[in-house]
Amino acid sequence: MSWRSAGLTWVYEVRAGQEMQRYELAPTDLGLSAAPKDAVLGSDVAANVAIVNDILAGKETGPKRDIVLLNAAAALVAANLAGSLPEGLEQARASITSGAARERLGRMVAASKG
């Protein structure tokens, strides 16, 4: 599942031992604001790096951050690290706010430079 910050997204929720659930979900259902596609678009590599750094530094608090939070929440649910999307959102917010997400990205960048 990949989240859009504008409009509805179809969610296909599959959990072990349960039937698949299919439903529509909007960012506003989770307390986030809807935004037009243009509000979350990136650009070239340098601009996208700046966007990520601003999100992780707490400087970007708008739709670009929201789309990161939504996707992180979905990933946490898929990995069974969060029991629901709202719980995943809280974990994602806490990771950004505490600096843990930024620290982890720094470690990944350092490891990739070998």
Protein backbone atom coordinates (compact mmCIF):
# COMPACT_ATOMS: atom_id res chain seq x y z
CA MET A 1 0.00 0.00 0.00
CA SER A 2 1.38 3.41 -0.93
CA TRP A 3 -0.28 6.46 0.51
CA ARG A 4 -1.40 9.56 -1.25
CA SER A 5 -1.97 12.69 0.79
CA ALA A 6 -4.93 13.82 -1.32
CA GLY A 7 -8.15 11.95 -1.75
CA LEU A 8 -8.95 8.39 -0.86
CA THR A 9 -6.60 5.43 -0.85
CA TRP A 10 -7.72 1.84 -1.13
CA VAL A 11 -6.36 -0.26 1.72
CA TYR A 12 -6.07 -4.03 1.42
CA GLU A 13 -5.39 -5.28 4.92
CA VAL A 14 -4.16 -8.85 5.22
CA ARG A 15 -3.50 -10.40 8.61
CA ALA A 16 -2.59 -13.98 9.42
CA GLY A 17 -5.64 -16.13 10.01
CA GLN A 18 -8.11 -13.43 8.97
CA GLU A 19 -9.95 -12.59 5.81
CA MET A 20 -8.57 -9.73 3.73
CA GLN A 21 -10.29 -6.44 4.42
CA ARG A 22 -10.63 -3.83 1.70
CA TYR A 23 -11.60 -0.26 2.54
CA GLU A 24 -11.05 3.35 1.56
CA LEU A 25 -9.14 5.65 3.83
CA ALA A 26 -8.43 9.36 3.62
CA PRO A 27 -5.63 11.20 5.43
CA THR A 28 -8.31 13.14 7.29
CA ASP A 29 -9.55 9.84 8.78
CA LEU A 30 -6.22 9.72 10.62
CA GLY A 31 -6.13 13.37 11.65
CA LEU A 32 -3.92 14.54 8.79
CA SER A 33 -4.76 17.19 6.22
CA ALA A 34 -5.51 16.34 2.61
CA ALA A 35 -3.20 18.07 0.13
CA PRO A 36 -2.96 18.35 -3.64
CA LYS A 37 -0.45 16.16 -5.44
CA ASP A 38 1.76 19.18 -6.19
CA ALA A 39 2.23 19.75 -2.45
CA VAL A 40 4.11 16.48 -2.04
CA LEU A 41 6.10 16.29 -5.25
CA GLY A 42 9.85 16.30 -5.07
CA SER A 43 12.30 17.46 -7.69
CA ASP A 44 15.92 16.62 -8.38
CA VAL A 45 18.17 14.64 -6.06
CA ALA A 46 19.49 17.67 -4.17
CA ALA A 47 15.98 19.03 -3.58
CA ASN A 48 14.71 15.62 -2.43
CA VAL A 49 17.64 15.23 -0.03
CA ALA A 50 16.81 18.66 1.40
CA ILE A 51 13.16 17.66 1.81
CA VAL A 52 14.10 14.48 3.70
CA ASN A 53 16.55 16.37 5.89
CA ASP A 54 13.95 19.05 6.64
CA ILE A 55 11.35 16.42 7.57
CA LEU A 56 13.75 14.58 9.85
CA ALA A 57 14.98 17.84 11.42
CA GLY A 58 11.41 18.91 12.19
CA LYS A 59 11.55 21.89 9.80
CA GLU A 60 9.00 20.45 7.34
CA THR A 61 5.68 19.89 9.07
CA GLY A 62 3.26 19.99 6.14
CA PRO A 63 2.02 17.54 3.53
CA LYS A 64 5.46 16.13 2.70
CA ARG A 65 5.91 15.09 6.33
CA ASP A 66 2.37 13.71 6.40
CA ILE A 67 3.04 11.44 3.41
CA VAL A 68 6.20 10.16 5.12
CA LEU A 69 4.25 9.51 8.32
CA LEU A 70 1.48 7.66 6.46
CA ASN A 71 3.90 5.42 4.59
CA ALA A 72 5.94 4.76 7.72
CA ALA A 73 2.77 3.87 9.62
CA ALA A 74 1.76 1.42 6.90
CA ALA A 75 5.22 -0.15 6.95
CA LEU A 76 5.11 -0.52 10.74
CA VAL A 77 1.72 -2.23 10.54
CA ALA A 78 2.93 -4.52 7.72
CA ALA A 79 5.95 -5.47 9.83
CA ASN A 80 3.72 -6.17 12.87
CA LEU A 81 5.48 -3.41 14.80
CA ALA A 82 2.25 -1.44 15.15
CA GLY A 83 -1.22 -2.84 15.65
CA SER A 84 -3.01 -0.15 13.66
CA LEU A 85 -2.38 2.82 11.41
CA PRO A 86 -3.02 5.35 14.20
CA GLU A 87 -0.51 3.48 16.40
CA GLY A 88 1.98 3.43 13.51
CA LEU A 89 1.51 7.18 13.00
CA GLU A 90 2.34 7.82 16.64
CA GLN A 91 5.45 5.65 16.40
CA ALA A 92 6.55 7.42 13.22
CA ARG A 93 5.98 10.85 14.78
CA ALA A 94 7.92 9.83 17.87
CA SER A 95 10.81 8.58 15.75
CA ILE A 96 11.06 11.91 13.93
CA THR A 97 10.53 14.03 17.05
CA SER A 98 13.11 12.14 19.10
CA GLY A 99 15.72 12.27 16.34
CA ALA A 100 15.81 8.47 16.04
CA ALA A 101 14.78 8.52 12.37
CA ARG A 102 17.49 11.05 11.52
CA GLU A 103 20.10 9.08 13.46
CA ARG A 104 19.11 5.86 11.65
CA LEU A 105 19.35 7.57 8.26
CA GLY A 106 22.82 8.83 9.20
CA ARG A 107 23.90 5.29 10.05
CA MET A 108 22.53 3.98 6.75
CA VAL A 109 24.35 6.69 4.78
CA ALA A 110 27.59 5.97 6.63
CA ALA A 111 27.25 2.23 6.00
CA SER A 112 26.59 2.79 2.30
CA LYS A 113 29.87 4.70 1.98
CA GLY A 114 31.60 1.65 3.40
